């Protein structure tokens, strides 16, 4: 599966996703690091990637056509808790379910929306 991780996603998650066979775009340490959200969104859509982020601002894109958005919103986020919630979501939804799906992972619950 093609995935883009926002800069706030732990490196351990990037490694685990790659280890399990995913094509993961991580712009940290590249010329694109720090790019505005609108440009990141355009790139994710052009490359047909699932976006994984902790930035709730991408939630407003839920009614647009997209290839999947996973937002992690925790009260006291740390590398381990973010990683765990991402991996839970990735194990719960298949590659074919992600297009048009927005998943918000919170501490205990998850919310989902499907593009109309």
Protein backbone atom coordinates (compact mmCIF):
# COMPACT_ATOMS: atom_id res chain seq x y z
CA UNK A 1 0.00 0.00 0.00
CA UNK A 2 1.19 3.52 -0.74
CA UNK A 3 1.37 5.67 2.40
CA UNK A 4 2.59 9.15 3.29
CA UNK A 5 3.45 9.85 6.92
CA UNK A 6 3.36 13.41 8.15
CA UNK A 7 6.45 14.68 9.97
CA UNK A 8 4.88 14.05 13.38
CA UNK A 9 4.69 10.25 12.95
CA UNK A 10 7.35 8.24 14.83
CA UNK A 11 10.25 6.80 12.84
CA UNK A 12 9.56 3.41 14.45
CA UNK A 13 6.17 3.46 12.71
CA UNK A 14 7.78 4.24 9.35
CA UNK A 15 10.16 1.29 9.80
CA UNK A 16 7.36 -1.07 10.83
CA UNK A 17 5.15 -0.07 7.90
CA UNK A 18 8.03 -0.59 5.48
CA UNK A 19 8.92 -3.90 7.13
CA UNK A 20 5.38 -5.11 6.48
CA UNK A 21 5.66 -4.27 2.78
CA UNK A 22 4.19 -0.80 2.48
CA UNK A 23 5.62 1.92 0.21
CA UNK A 24 6.07 4.73 2.76
CA UNK A 25 6.85 8.32 1.81
CA UNK A 26 8.47 10.17 4.73
CA UNK A 27 9.52 13.72 3.84
CA UNK A 28 11.61 14.27 6.97
CA UNK A 29 15.17 15.17 6.08
CA UNK A 30 14.26 16.02 2.48
CA UNK A 31 13.83 19.34 0.69
CA UNK A 32 10.06 18.91 1.18
CA UNK A 33 10.25 18.85 4.98
CA UNK A 34 8.04 21.57 6.42
CA UNK A 35 5.94 21.93 3.27
CA UNK A 36 2.52 23.54 3.80
CA UNK A 37 -0.39 21.18 4.40
CA UNK A 38 -2.06 22.12 1.09
CA UNK A 39 1.04 21.10 -0.87
CA UNK A 40 1.41 17.90 1.13
CA UNK A 41 -2.26 17.10 0.46
CA UNK A 42 -1.81 17.71 -3.27
CA UNK A 43 1.21 15.40 -3.36
CA UNK A 44 -0.58 12.67 -1.42
CA UNK A 45 -3.50 12.82 -3.85
CA UNK A 46 -1.29 12.87 -6.94
CA UNK A 47 0.62 9.83 -5.71
CA UNK A 48 -2.58 8.09 -4.48
CA UNK A 49 -1.34 7.58 -0.91
CA UNK A 50 -3.02 7.05 2.44
CA UNK A 51 -2.08 10.00 4.69
CA UNK A 52 -1.13 9.27 8.31
CA UNK A 53 -0.90 12.31 10.58
CA UNK A 54 -1.61 13.76 14.02
CA UNK A 55 -2.77 17.02 12.41
CA UNK A 56 -6.53 17.30 12.92
CA UNK A 57 -6.66 19.92 10.17
CA UNK A 58 -6.76 17.18 7.55
CA UNK A 59 -10.12 16.03 8.92
CA UNK A 60 -11.85 18.81 7.01
CA UNK A 61 -10.90 16.96 3.81
CA UNK A 62 -13.23 14.07 4.68
CA UNK A 63 -15.87 15.02 2.09
CA UNK A 64 -13.31 15.22 -0.73
CA UNK A 65 -12.26 12.24 -2.81
CA UNK A 66 -9.06 10.84 -1.30
CA UNK A 67 -7.06 7.65 -0.77
CA UNK A 68 -7.52 7.51 2.99
CA UNK A 69 -6.71 9.66 6.00
CA UNK A 70 -5.63 8.33 9.38
CA UNK A 71 -5.49 10.96 12.14
CA UNK A 72 -4.17 10.09 15.61
CA UNK A 73 -5.51 12.42 18.32
CA UNK A 74 -4.36 11.45 21.81
CA UNK A 75 -4.60 13.43 25.06
CA UNK A 76 -0.98 12.77 26.00
CA UNK A 77 0.69 11.57 22.81
CA UNK A 78 4.10 9.95 22.85
CA UNK A 79 6.00 7.90 20.31
CA UNK A 80 4.79 4.55 21.65
CA UNK A 81 1.10 5.48 21.95
CA UNK A 82 1.00 7.06 18.49
CA UNK A 83 2.72 4.00 17.01
CA UNK A 84 0.31 1.60 18.73
CA UNK A 85 -2.81 3.42 17.54
CA UNK A 86 -1.52 3.61 13.96
CA UNK A 87 -0.70 -0.08 13.87
CA UNK A 88 -4.12 -0.94 15.33
CA UNK A 89 -5.83 1.00 12.55
CA UNK A 90 -3.59 -0.49 9.86
CA UNK A 91 -4.39 -4.00 11.12
CA UNK A 92 -8.13 -3.25 11.37
CA UNK A 93 -8.71 -1.88 7.85
CA UNK A 94 -7.62 -3.60 4.65
CA UNK A 95 -5.86 -1.80 1.82
CA UNK A 96 -9.10 -1.84 -0.19
CA UNK A 97 -11.09 -0.14 2.60
CA UNK A 98 -8.88 2.97 2.90
CA UNK A 99 -9.86 4.96 -0.25
CA UNK A 100 -12.45 7.52 0.86
CA UNK A 101 -12.10 6.54 4.54
CA UNK A 102 -11.18 8.96 7.35
CA UNK A 103 -10.25 7.29 10.63
CA UNK A 104 -9.58 9.29 13.78
CA UNK A 105 -7.88 7.21 16.47
CA UNK A 106 -8.32 8.59 19.97
CA UNK A 107 -7.11 7.19 23.29
CA UNK A 108 -9.87 4.60 23.62
CA UNK A 109 -12.23 4.98 20.66
CA UNK A 110 -11.98 5.42 16.94
CA UNK A 111 -14.29 7.35 14.64
CA UNK A 112 -14.72 6.69 10.94
CA UNK A 113 -16.24 8.62 8.05
CA UNK A 114 -16.67 7.51 4.48
CA UNK A 115 -16.62 9.98 1.58
CA UNK A 116 -20.13 10.17 0.08
